[in-house]
Protein backbone atom coordinates (compact mmCIF):
# COMPACT_ATOMS: atom_id res chain seq x y z
CA UNK A 1 -19.91 13.49 9.91
CA UNK A 2 -17.53 10.86 8.51
CA UNK A 3 -14.68 10.12 10.90
CA UNK A 4 -11.44 8.25 10.15
CA UNK A 5 -10.75 5.52 12.66
CA UNK A 6 -7.08 5.41 13.62
CA UNK A 7 -3.47 6.52 13.17
CA UNK A 8 -3.03 9.54 10.89
CA UNK A 9 -5.89 8.58 8.59
CA UNK A 10 -7.12 12.17 8.35
CA UNK A 11 -3.86 13.28 6.71
CA UNK A 12 -3.50 11.02 3.67
CA UNK A 13 -4.14 12.24 0.15
CA UNK A 14 -4.17 10.91 -3.42
CA UNK A 15 -2.52 12.56 -6.42
CA UNK A 16 -3.95 11.62 -9.83
CA UNK A 17 -2.04 11.29 -13.11
CA UNK A 18 -3.08 14.86 -14.00
CA UNK A 19 -1.96 16.25 -10.63
CA UNK A 20 -5.42 16.57 -9.06
CA UNK A 21 -5.30 16.08 -5.28
CA UNK A 22 -8.04 14.26 -3.38
CA UNK A 23 -7.88 14.70 0.39
CA UNK A 24 -8.84 12.28 3.13
CA UNK A 25 -12.00 14.32 3.71
CA UNK A 26 -13.12 13.78 0.11
CA UNK A 27 -12.18 10.08 0.38
CA UNK A 28 -14.49 9.51 3.36
CA UNK A 29 -17.25 11.60 1.78
CA UNK A 30 -17.10 9.63 -1.50
CA UNK A 31 -16.95 6.34 0.40
CA UNK A 32 -20.07 7.38 2.29
CA UNK A 33 -21.96 8.31 -0.89
CA UNK A 34 -20.91 5.07 -2.58
CA UNK A 35 -22.02 3.17 0.51
CA UNK A 36 -25.48 4.72 0.16
CA UNK A 37 -25.70 3.39 -3.41
CA UNK A 38 -24.71 -0.05 -2.13
CA UNK A 39 -27.37 0.06 0.59
CA UNK A 40 -30.05 0.92 -1.97
CA UNK A 41 -28.91 -1.93 -4.21
CA UNK A 42 -28.92 -4.45 -1.33
CA UNK A 43 -32.57 -3.63 -0.70
CA UNK A 44 -33.37 -4.27 -4.36
CA UNK A 45 -31.46 -7.57 -4.48
CA UNK A 46 -33.31 -9.01 -1.49
CA UNK A 47 -32.15 -11.16 1.38
CA UNK A 48 -29.38 -13.19 -0.28
CA UNK A 49 -26.97 -14.36 2.49
CA UNK A 50 -23.79 -13.17 0.77
CA UNK A 51 -23.63 -10.67 -2.07
CA UNK A 52 -20.61 -10.70 -4.37
CA UNK A 53 -19.13 -7.58 -5.92
CA UNK A 54 -16.48 -7.36 -8.63
CA UNK A 55 -14.25 -4.32 -8.14
CA UNK A 56 -11.88 -3.04 -10.79
CA UNK A 57 -10.81 0.58 -11.03
CA UNK A 58 -7.45 1.70 -12.40
CA UNK A 59 -7.40 4.84 -10.22
CA UNK A 60 -6.09 4.17 -6.67
CA UNK A 61 -8.37 6.85 -5.17
CA UNK A 62 -11.60 5.53 -6.70
CA UNK A 63 -10.57 1.93 -6.02
CA UNK A 64 -9.85 2.78 -2.39
CA UNK A 65 -13.10 4.49 -1.45
CA UNK A 66 -15.17 1.88 -3.30
CA UNK A 67 -13.27 -0.91 -1.53
CA UNK A 68 -13.93 0.61 1.91
CA UNK A 69 -17.61 1.15 1.12
CA UNK A 70 -18.02 -2.46 -0.07
CA UNK A 71 -16.32 -3.88 3.02
CA UNK A 72 -18.42 -1.69 5.31
CA UNK A 73 -21.63 -2.87 3.62
CA UNK A 74 -20.71 -6.55 3.92
CA UNK A 75 -20.04 -7.53 0.29
CA UNK A 76 -17.54 -10.22 -0.65
CA UNK A 77 -15.18 -8.50 -3.09
CA UNK A 78 -13.65 -10.16 -6.15
CA UNK A 79 -10.54 -8.42 -7.56
CA UNK A 80 -9.64 -9.34 -11.18
CA UNK A 81 -5.87 -9.39 -11.72
CA UNK A 82 -5.88 -7.44 -14.98
CA UNK A 83 -8.13 -5.47 -17.32
CA UNK A 84 -8.20 -7.98 -20.18
CA UNK A 85 -11.76 -8.44 -21.55
CA UNK A 86 -11.79 -12.21 -20.90
CA UNK A 87 -10.61 -11.70 -17.31
CA UNK A 88 -13.30 -9.13 -16.56
CA UNK A 89 -15.98 -11.14 -18.37
CA UNK A 90 -15.23 -14.23 -16.30
CA UNK A 91 -15.25 -12.25 -13.05
CA UNK A 92 -18.56 -10.42 -13.58
CA UNK A 93 -20.40 -13.55 -14.76
CA UNK A 94 -20.48 -14.83 -11.17
CA UNK A 95 -21.23 -11.55 -9.38
CA UNK A 96 -24.30 -9.70 -8.10
CA UNK A 97 -22.92 -6.21 -8.67
CA UNK A 98 -19.96 -4.62 -10.43
CA UNK A 99 -17.98 -1.57 -9.31
CA UNK A 100 -15.55 0.56 -11.29
CA UNK A 101 -15.58 2.59 -14.49
CA UNK A 102 -13.82 -0.12 -16.52
CA UNK A 103 -16.75 -2.52 -15.97
CA UNK A 104 -19.51 -0.38 -17.47
CA UNK A 105 -19.64 -2.22 -20.80
CA UNK A 106 -18.78 -5.78 -19.78
CA UNK A 107 -21.54 -8.09 -20.98
CA UNK A 108 -23.45 -10.24 -18.53
CA UNK A 109 -22.58 -8.18 -15.46
CA UNK A 110 -24.85 -7.50 -12.52
CA UNK A 111 -25.91 -4.06 -11.33
CA UNK A 112 -23.28 -1.46 -12.23
CA UNK A 113 -23.10 0.67 -9.08
CA UNK A 114 -21.14 3.54 -10.63
CA UNK A 115 -23.96 4.11 -13.12
CA UNK A 116 -26.71 4.54 -10.52
CA UNK A 117 -27.98 8.15 -10.30
CA UNK A 118 -27.76 9.92 -6.97
CA UNK A 119 -31.49 10.58 -7.08
CA UNK A 120 -32.16 6.86 -6.54
CA UNK A 121 -30.41 6.81 -3.17
CA UNK A 122 -31.95 6.32 0.21
CA UNK A 123 -30.44 9.34 1.94
CA UNK A 124 -29.74 7.71 5.29
CA UNK A 125 -27.02 8.95 7.61
CA UNK A 126 -24.06 6.74 6.69
CA UNK A 127 -20.62 6.45 8.25
CA UNK A 128 -17.67 4.72 6.60
CA UNK A 129 -14.63 4.04 8.77
CA UNK A 130 -11.59 1.84 8.51
CA UNK A 131 -13.20 -1.58 7.87
CA UNK A 132 -13.44 -4.08 10.70
CA UNK A 133 -14.24 -7.21 8.70
CA UNK A 134 -15.08 -8.69 5.34
CA UNK A 135 -13.42 -10.88 2.74
CA UNK A 136 -11.69 -10.41 -0.61
CA UNK A 137 -10.97 -12.81 -3.45
CA UNK A 138 -7.70 -12.24 -5.29
CA UNK A 139 -6.76 -13.77 -8.62
CA UNK A 140 -3.19 -14.85 -9.17
CA UNK A 141 -1.61 -16.23 -12.31
CA UNK A 142 1.31 -17.93 -10.55
CA UNK A 143 4.09 -19.43 -12.69
CA UNK A 144 1.81 -21.43 -14.98
CA UNK A 145 -0.35 -18.57 -16.21
CA UNK A 146 -3.56 -20.28 -15.05
CA UNK A 147 -5.71 -18.08 -12.83
CA UNK A 148 -6.27 -19.22 -9.26
CA UNK A 149 -8.64 -17.60 -6.79
CA UNK A 150 -7.43 -16.95 -3.26
CA UNK A 151 -9.85 -15.82 -0.54
CA UNK A 152 -8.39 -13.58 2.18
CA UNK A 153 -10.14 -12.14 5.22
CA UNK A 154 -9.83 -8.43 5.93
CA UNK A 155 -8.62 -9.32 9.43
CA UNK A 156 -5.62 -11.23 8.03
CA UNK A 157 -4.76 -8.34 5.70
CA UNK A 158 -4.99 -5.88 8.57
CA UNK A 159 -2.78 -8.08 10.74
CA UNK A 160 -0.17 -8.22 7.97
CA UNK A 161 -0.40 -4.45 7.64
CA UNK A 162 0.32 -4.01 11.35
CA UNK A 163 3.32 -6.37 11.03
CA UNK A 164 4.76 -4.26 8.21
CA UNK A 165 4.31 -1.09 10.26
CA UNK A 166 6.15 -2.60 13.22
CA UNK A 167 8.94 -4.15 11.08
CA UNK A 168 10.01 -1.19 8.96
CA UNK A 169 10.63 2.34 10.17
CA UNK A 170 8.41 4.35 7.84
CA UNK A 171 7.35 7.19 10.12
CA UNK A 172 9.34 9.79 8.15
CA UNK A 173 7.73 8.86 4.79
CA UNK A 174 5.55 11.62 3.34
CA UNK A 175 5.08 10.33 -0.21
CA UNK A 176 4.48 6.85 -1.65
CA UNK A 177 5.41 6.27 -5.29
CA UNK A 178 4.50 2.97 -6.93
CA UNK A 179 5.25 1.16 -10.16
CA UNK A 180 2.87 -1.73 -9.36
CA UNK A 181 -0.96 -1.80 -9.47
CA UNK A 182 -3.11 -1.63 -6.34
CA UNK A 183 -5.42 -4.58 -7.10
CA UNK A 184 -2.88 -7.31 -6.28
CA UNK A 185 -2.13 -8.11 -2.66
CA UNK A 186 1.40 -6.59 -2.71
CA UNK A 187 0.15 -3.34 -4.20
CA UNK A 188 -2.94 -3.23 -1.99
CA UNK A 189 -0.90 -3.52 1.20
CA UNK A 190 2.17 -1.48 0.30
CA UNK A 191 0.97 1.27 -2.05
CA UNK A 192 -2.59 1.83 -0.74
CA UNK A 193 -3.20 0.72 2.85
CA UNK A 194 0.26 1.49 4.29
CA UNK A 195 0.32 5.14 3.17
CA UNK A 196 -3.26 5.60 4.35
CA UNK A 197 -2.25 4.36 7.79
CA UNK A 198 0.81 6.63 7.77
CA UNK A 199 -1.05 9.70 6.57
CA UNK A 200 1.11 10.01 3.45
CA UNK A 201 0.58 11.24 -0.10
CA UNK A 202 -0.28 8.44 -2.57
CA UNK A 203 0.75 9.02 -6.18
CA UNK A 204 -0.72 7.39 -9.28
CA UNK A 205 1.17 4.46 -10.77
CA UNK A 206 4.43 5.40 -12.52
CA UNK A 207 5.56 3.14 -15.35
CA UNK A 208 9.02 4.58 -16.02
CA UNK A 209 11.81 5.90 -13.78
CA UNK A 210 11.82 9.33 -15.45
CA UNK A 211 8.18 9.80 -14.36
CA UNK A 212 9.33 9.66 -10.72
CA UNK A 213 11.94 12.43 -11.01
CA UNK A 214 9.48 15.38 -11.07
CA UNK A 215 7.82 14.16 -7.86
CA UNK A 216 11.16 14.09 -6.07
CA UNK A 217 12.27 17.43 -7.47
CA UNK A 218 9.02 19.17 -6.50
CA UNK A 219 9.77 18.82 -2.79
CA UNK A 220 13.17 17.40 -1.93
CA UNK A 221 12.51 17.75 1.80
CA UNK A 222 9.86 15.02 1.70
CA UNK A 223 11.05 11.46 2.31
CA UNK A 224 9.65 8.92 -0.16
CA UNK A 225 8.98 5.20 -0.30
CA UNK A 226 9.11 3.45 -3.68
CA UNK A 227 6.95 0.33 -4.14
CA UNK A 228 8.34 -1.57 -7.09
CA UNK A 229 9.12 -4.85 -8.83
CA UNK A 230 12.23 -6.67 -10.10
CA UNK A 231 11.33 -5.83 -13.72
CA UNK A 232 11.19 -2.08 -13.04
CA UNK A 233 14.37 -2.10 -10.96
CA UNK A 234 16.24 -3.94 -13.68
CA UNK A 235 15.26 -1.23 -16.18
CA UNK A 236 16.33 1.41 -13.66
CA UNK A 237 19.87 -0.03 -13.59
CA UNK A 238 20.54 0.80 -17.24
CA UNK A 239 19.87 4.53 -16.77
CA UNK A 240 19.49 5.30 -13.10
CA UNK A 241 17.88 8.73 -13.07
CA UNK A 242 17.18 8.30 -9.34
CA UNK A 243 20.80 7.78 -8.22
CA UNK A 244 21.37 11.47 -7.41
CA UNK A 245 18.22 11.49 -5.27
CA UNK A 246 18.92 8.29 -3.34
CA UNK A 247 18.87 10.09 0.01
CA UNK A 248 15.22 11.03 -0.65
CA UNK A 249 14.13 7.40 -0.19
CA UNK A 250 13.70 5.85 3.22
CA UNK A 251 12.76 2.50 1.63
CA UNK A 252 12.61 0.92 -1.81
CA UNK A 253 10.58 -2.30 -1.75
CA UNK A 254 10.53 -5.05 -4.37
CA UNK A 255 8.24 -8.07 -4.66
CA UNK A 256 6.42 -10.22 -7.22
CA UNK A 257 9.51 -12.22 -8.19
CA UNK A 258 13.19 -12.67 -7.48
CA UNK A 259 15.39 -9.59 -7.66
CA UNK A 260 18.44 -10.83 -9.51
CA UNK A 261 21.71 -10.62 -7.63
CA UNK A 262 23.34 -8.58 -10.38
CA UNK A 263 20.49 -6.04 -10.37
CA UNK A 264 20.61 -5.65 -6.58
CA UNK A 265 24.38 -5.25 -6.69
CA UNK A 266 24.28 -2.59 -9.43
CA UNK A 267 21.59 -0.58 -7.64
CA UNK A 268 23.58 -0.67 -4.42
CA UNK A 269 26.66 0.59 -6.23
CA UNK A 270 24.68 3.34 -8.00
CA UNK A 271 22.63 4.53 -5.03
CA UNK A 272 24.55 3.30 -1.96
CA UNK A 273 21.15 2.04 -0.89
CA UNK A 274 19.95 -1.55 -0.50
CA UNK A 275 16.62 -2.69 -1.92
CA UNK A 276 14.29 -4.45 0.51
CA UNK A 277 12.85 -7.60 -1.06
CA UNK A 278 9.61 -9.10 0.24
CA UNK A 279 9.11 -12.86 -0.07
CA UNK A 280 5.63 -14.35 -0.01
CA UNK A 281 2.62 -15.01 -2.20
CA UNK A 282 -1.05 -14.14 -2.44
CA UNK A 283 -1.89 -17.41 -0.72
CA UNK A 284 0.75 -17.37 2.01
CA UNK A 285 0.94 -13.65 2.73
CA UNK A 286 4.28 -12.08 3.57
CA UNK A 287 6.84 -14.55 4.88
CA UNK A 288 10.25 -12.87 5.02
CA UNK A 289 12.42 -10.01 3.79
CA UNK A 290 16.05 -9.38 2.90
CA UNK A 291 18.48 -6.76 1.59
CA UNK A 292 21.24 -7.59 -0.91
CA UNK A 293 24.37 -5.46 -0.94
CA UNK A 294 27.19 -7.67 -2.20
CA UNK A 295 27.89 -10.55 -4.57
CA UNK A 296 26.58 -13.22 -2.25
CA UNK A 297 22.87 -13.98 -1.93
CA UNK A 298 21.64 -12.57 1.37
CA UNK A 299 19.59 -14.75 3.69
CA UNK A 300 15.89 -14.19 4.31
CA UNK A 301 14.65 -12.96 7.71
CA UNK A 302 11.20 -14.05 8.90
CA UNK A 303 8.49 -11.54 9.75
CA UNK A 304 7.27 -11.54 13.34
CA UNK A 305 4.87 -14.40 14.07
CA UNK A 306 6.08 -16.55 11.17
CA UNK A 307 7.83 -19.88 11.61
CA UNK A 308 9.19 -22.25 8.97
CA UNK A 309 10.69 -25.70 8.71
CA UNK A 310 11.74 -27.92 5.82
CA UNK A 311 10.60 -31.41 4.85
CA UNK A 312 13.30 -34.05 5.26
CA UNK A 313 13.14 -35.58 1.78
CA UNK A 314 12.47 -32.63 -0.51
CA UNK A 315 13.51 -29.59 1.58
CA UNK A 316 10.14 -27.96 0.89
CA UNK A 317 9.30 -24.95 3.02
CA UNK A 318 6.62 -25.68 5.64
CA UNK A 319 4.95 -22.48 6.80
CA UNK A 320 3.09 -21.57 9.97
CA UNK A 321 1.59 -18.09 9.75
CA UNK A 322 -1.13 -16.05 11.45
CA UNK A 323 -2.34 -15.08 7.96
CA UNK A 324 -3.36 -18.66 7.10
CA UNK A 325 -6.62 -20.39 7.99
CA UNK A 326 -5.20 -23.87 7.42
CA UNK A 327 -1.67 -24.64 8.58
CA UNK A 328 0.99 -25.84 8.43
CA UNK A 329 1.15 -24.96 4.74
CA UNK A 330 3.68 -26.79 2.56
CA UNK A 331 4.97 -24.64 -0.28
CA UNK A 332 6.65 -25.58 -3.55
CA UNK A 333 9.80 -23.62 -2.67
CA UNK A 334 12.87 -25.52 -1.48
CA UNK A 335 14.87 -23.95 1.33
CA UNK A 336 17.98 -24.37 3.41
CA UNK A 337 17.31 -23.24 6.98
CA UNK A 338 20.18 -21.85 9.05
CA UNK A 339 20.71 -22.28 12.76
CA UNK A 340 19.78 -18.63 13.43
CA UNK A 341 16.34 -19.09 11.83
CA UNK A 342 17.14 -17.35 8.57
CA UNK A 343 16.91 -19.30 5.32
CA UNK A 344 18.08 -19.48 1.71
CA UNK A 345 15.79 -20.17 -1.23
CA UNK A 346 17.05 -23.02 -3.42
CA UNK A 347 14.37 -23.31 -6.10
CA UNK A 348 10.98 -24.93 -6.61
CA UNK A 349 10.19 -28.57 -5.98
CA UNK A 350 7.70 -28.78 -8.84
CA UNK A 351 10.41 -28.13 -11.43
CA UNK A 352 11.76 -31.66 -11.68
CA UNK A 353 10.98 -33.10 -15.13
CA UNK A 354 11.72 -36.29 -17.05
CA UNK A 355 13.63 -36.28 -20.33
CA UNK A 356 13.73 -39.76 -21.88
CA UNK A 357 13.50 -41.36 -18.44
CA UNK A 358 16.16 -39.07 -16.97
CA UNK A 359 15.09 -36.75 -14.16
CA UNK A 360 16.45 -33.21 -14.10
CA UNK A 361 15.54 -30.20 -11.96
CA UNK A 362 15.06 -27.02 -13.97
CA UNK A 363 16.07 -24.81 -11.03
CA UNK A 364 19.32 -26.76 -10.75
CA UNK A 365 19.99 -26.19 -14.46
CA UNK A 366 19.31 -22.46 -14.05
CA UNK A 367 21.58 -22.14 -11.00
CA UNK A 368 24.41 -23.88 -12.87
CA UNK A 369 23.98 -21.71 -15.96
CA UNK A 370 24.04 -18.56 -13.83
CA UNK A 371 27.40 -19.64 -12.42
CA UNK A 372 28.87 -19.07 -15.89
CA UNK A 373 30.63 -15.71 -16.08
CA UNK A 374 28.72 -14.72 -19.23
CA UNK A 375 25.23 -15.30 -17.82
CA UNK A 376 23.33 -12.62 -15.93
CA UNK A 377 20.13 -14.62 -15.50
CA UNK A 378 18.16 -17.35 -17.26
CA UNK A 379 15.07 -19.55 -17.38
CA UNK A 380 14.86 -23.18 -18.47
CA UNK A 381 11.53 -24.64 -19.58
CA UNK A 382 10.18 -27.91 -20.92
CA UNK A 383 8.73 -27.75 -24.44
CA UNK A 384 6.23 -30.52 -25.05
CA UNK A 385 5.18 -31.57 -28.53
CA UNK A 386 6.04 -34.39 -30.88
CA UNK A 387 9.34 -34.60 -29.05
CA UNK A 388 9.88 -33.25 -25.54
CA UNK A 389 12.88 -30.94 -25.25
CA UNK A 390 14.46 -28.54 -22.81
CA UNK A 391 14.82 -24.91 -23.83
CA UNK A 392 16.88 -22.13 -22.27
CA UNK A 393 16.19 -18.40 -22.31
CA UNK A 394 19.37 -16.53 -21.38
CA UNK A 395 20.20 -12.93 -20.53
CA UNK A 396 23.91 -12.36 -21.08
CA UNK A 397 25.94 -9.69 -19.35
CA UNK A 398 25.82 -6.56 -21.49
CA UNK A 399 29.55 -6.56 -22.24
CA UNK A 400 29.33 -10.11 -23.68
CA UNK A 401 26.34 -9.74 -26.00
CA UNK A 402 28.09 -8.33 -29.07
CA UNK A 403 31.37 -10.19 -28.84
CA UNK A 404 30.43 -13.57 -30.24
CA UNK A 405 27.86 -15.54 -32.24
CA UNK A 406 24.84 -17.46 -31.01
CA UNK A 407 26.59 -20.69 -32.06
CA UNK A 408 29.57 -19.87 -29.87
CA UNK A 409 27.32 -19.00 -26.93
CA UNK A 410 25.42 -22.27 -27.34
CA UNK A 411 28.59 -24.35 -27.48
CA UNK A 412 30.17 -22.68 -24.46
CA UNK A 413 27.09 -22.90 -22.26
CA UNK A 414 26.42 -26.52 -23.23
CA UNK A 415 30.00 -27.38 -22.38
CA UNK A 416 29.61 -25.64 -19.03
CA UNK A 417 26.48 -27.68 -18.22
CA UNK A 418 28.13 -30.92 -19.41
CA UNK A 419 30.42 -30.83 -16.39
CA UNK A 420 27.41 -31.59 -14.19
CA UNK A 421 24.55 -32.92 -16.34
CA UNK A 422 24.15 -35.80 -18.76
CA UNK A 423 23.87 -34.83 -22.42
CA UNK A 424 20.16 -35.66 -22.58
CA UNK A 425 19.50 -33.16 -19.76
CA UNK A 426 21.16 -30.20 -21.49
CA UNK A 427 18.82 -27.75 -23.30
CA UNK A 428 18.44 -28.33 -27.04
CA UNK A 429 16.97 -24.92 -27.85
CA UNK A 430 18.36 -21.53 -26.89
CA UNK A 431 17.11 -17.95 -27.01
CA UNK A 432 19.15 -14.88 -26.01
CA UNK A 433 17.12 -11.89 -24.84
CA UNK A 434 17.77 -8.55 -23.17
CA UNK A 435 14.96 -9.08 -20.68
CA UNK A 436 12.41 -11.76 -19.82
CA UNK A 437 8.76 -11.27 -20.85
CA UNK A 438 6.54 -10.26 -17.93
CA UNK A 439 2.81 -9.84 -17.33
CA UNK A 440 1.14 -6.92 -15.54
CA UNK A 441 2.00 -8.48 -12.16
CA UNK A 442 5.69 -8.42 -13.00
CA UNK A 443 5.77 -12.20 -13.31
CA UNK A 444 7.29 -14.32 -16.06
CA UNK A 445 4.85 -17.09 -16.99
CA UNK A 446 5.57 -20.39 -18.70
CA UNK A 447 3.21 -19.46 -21.54
CA UNK A 448 5.14 -16.25 -22.28
CA UNK A 449 8.45 -18.13 -22.36
CA UNK A 450 7.05 -20.82 -24.65
CA UNK A 451 6.00 -18.14 -27.18
CA UNK A 452 9.68 -17.29 -27.68
CA UNK A 453 10.09 -20.65 -29.40
CA UNK A 454 7.05 -20.53 -31.66
């Protein structure tokens, strides 16, 4: 018999895109059967010290039981950060086995576990519980767009999970709805492992706000948690179909990037409910959280067990965390630390560039631009070519967009920046957009911004 290990693990369930429900009992049974396939494959592969498995499955249920089986059988698990052919090809080229339906036709892959027939199994008695150890390799694009691999132990992920459970009151949550994928660390923790621990119902990924409404309407007595991103929440502002159901949510979480002040303010006015932002990264783990309700940027509060300081010269955040193997860890974010231990994010240290021997910080340019009454948010980048130039991508407040020309916008914003910056440090190129380009992790990369000027 397959037994769940702790909490309310026997009560969770998964709801597919078509409405099919998979119970916890079927989860443990499928994890057990998949574990038997893995055991048979390990025998065939011989006595290699560490076997590597690539796991990619777009369905949370299938991803979850395969993940637990792999951890139980001692594989190191590599998680590609998207389903692009080149990404999957690169991942499987260094692996012993591959797991997940999307990997069946990737060239050069190892043994495809999903394709093994049940008749080839060694039918040993197998038990799959909540994993006790193992390691996972995440891929993160960061701000540059270049993939970076980050190895995390299962113990550190489980410790972070316990911190989240003790920080936020989620005991009343019966349904978890997510707009982010489960194969990044934020999605893995918040939309897969947390609801499993809480014994909640886990819905398939919802891309648009209107897809969430039927779930809420089907059982208004159930409290929900929404796991989301700044990009989704910004879209929600323009037509908030969830505002009349705000009391259904016990939490709405956002991570993967900065939630703009204007977006947070609008959502609070529409729903009378503050969004909880999570600050951290794949490498650092969760660091702090905050809720914005007014026009001023709220300060960040550290999670239990985390401590931070700032370097004297650059004000870089120096992190000490139980989720890190090597610490202290100096990050590229600049902070201002308050006497009560909270802090304010100022920008990134690695965004100081040279323009004809003049140094200018891109974050400082962005902050100054966003002080202009017309500007909702913006990004400033460095375009390198025959002649290096600064370029600005600006989102104007909706009521300003149709009331003037691009030339007038350019002149006014340049004049605004001229009060603080030398002429050479003011952007030469300008683009006005309704929203910033994002990748599947909800991040805006430098490469995507540069394409706007091609």
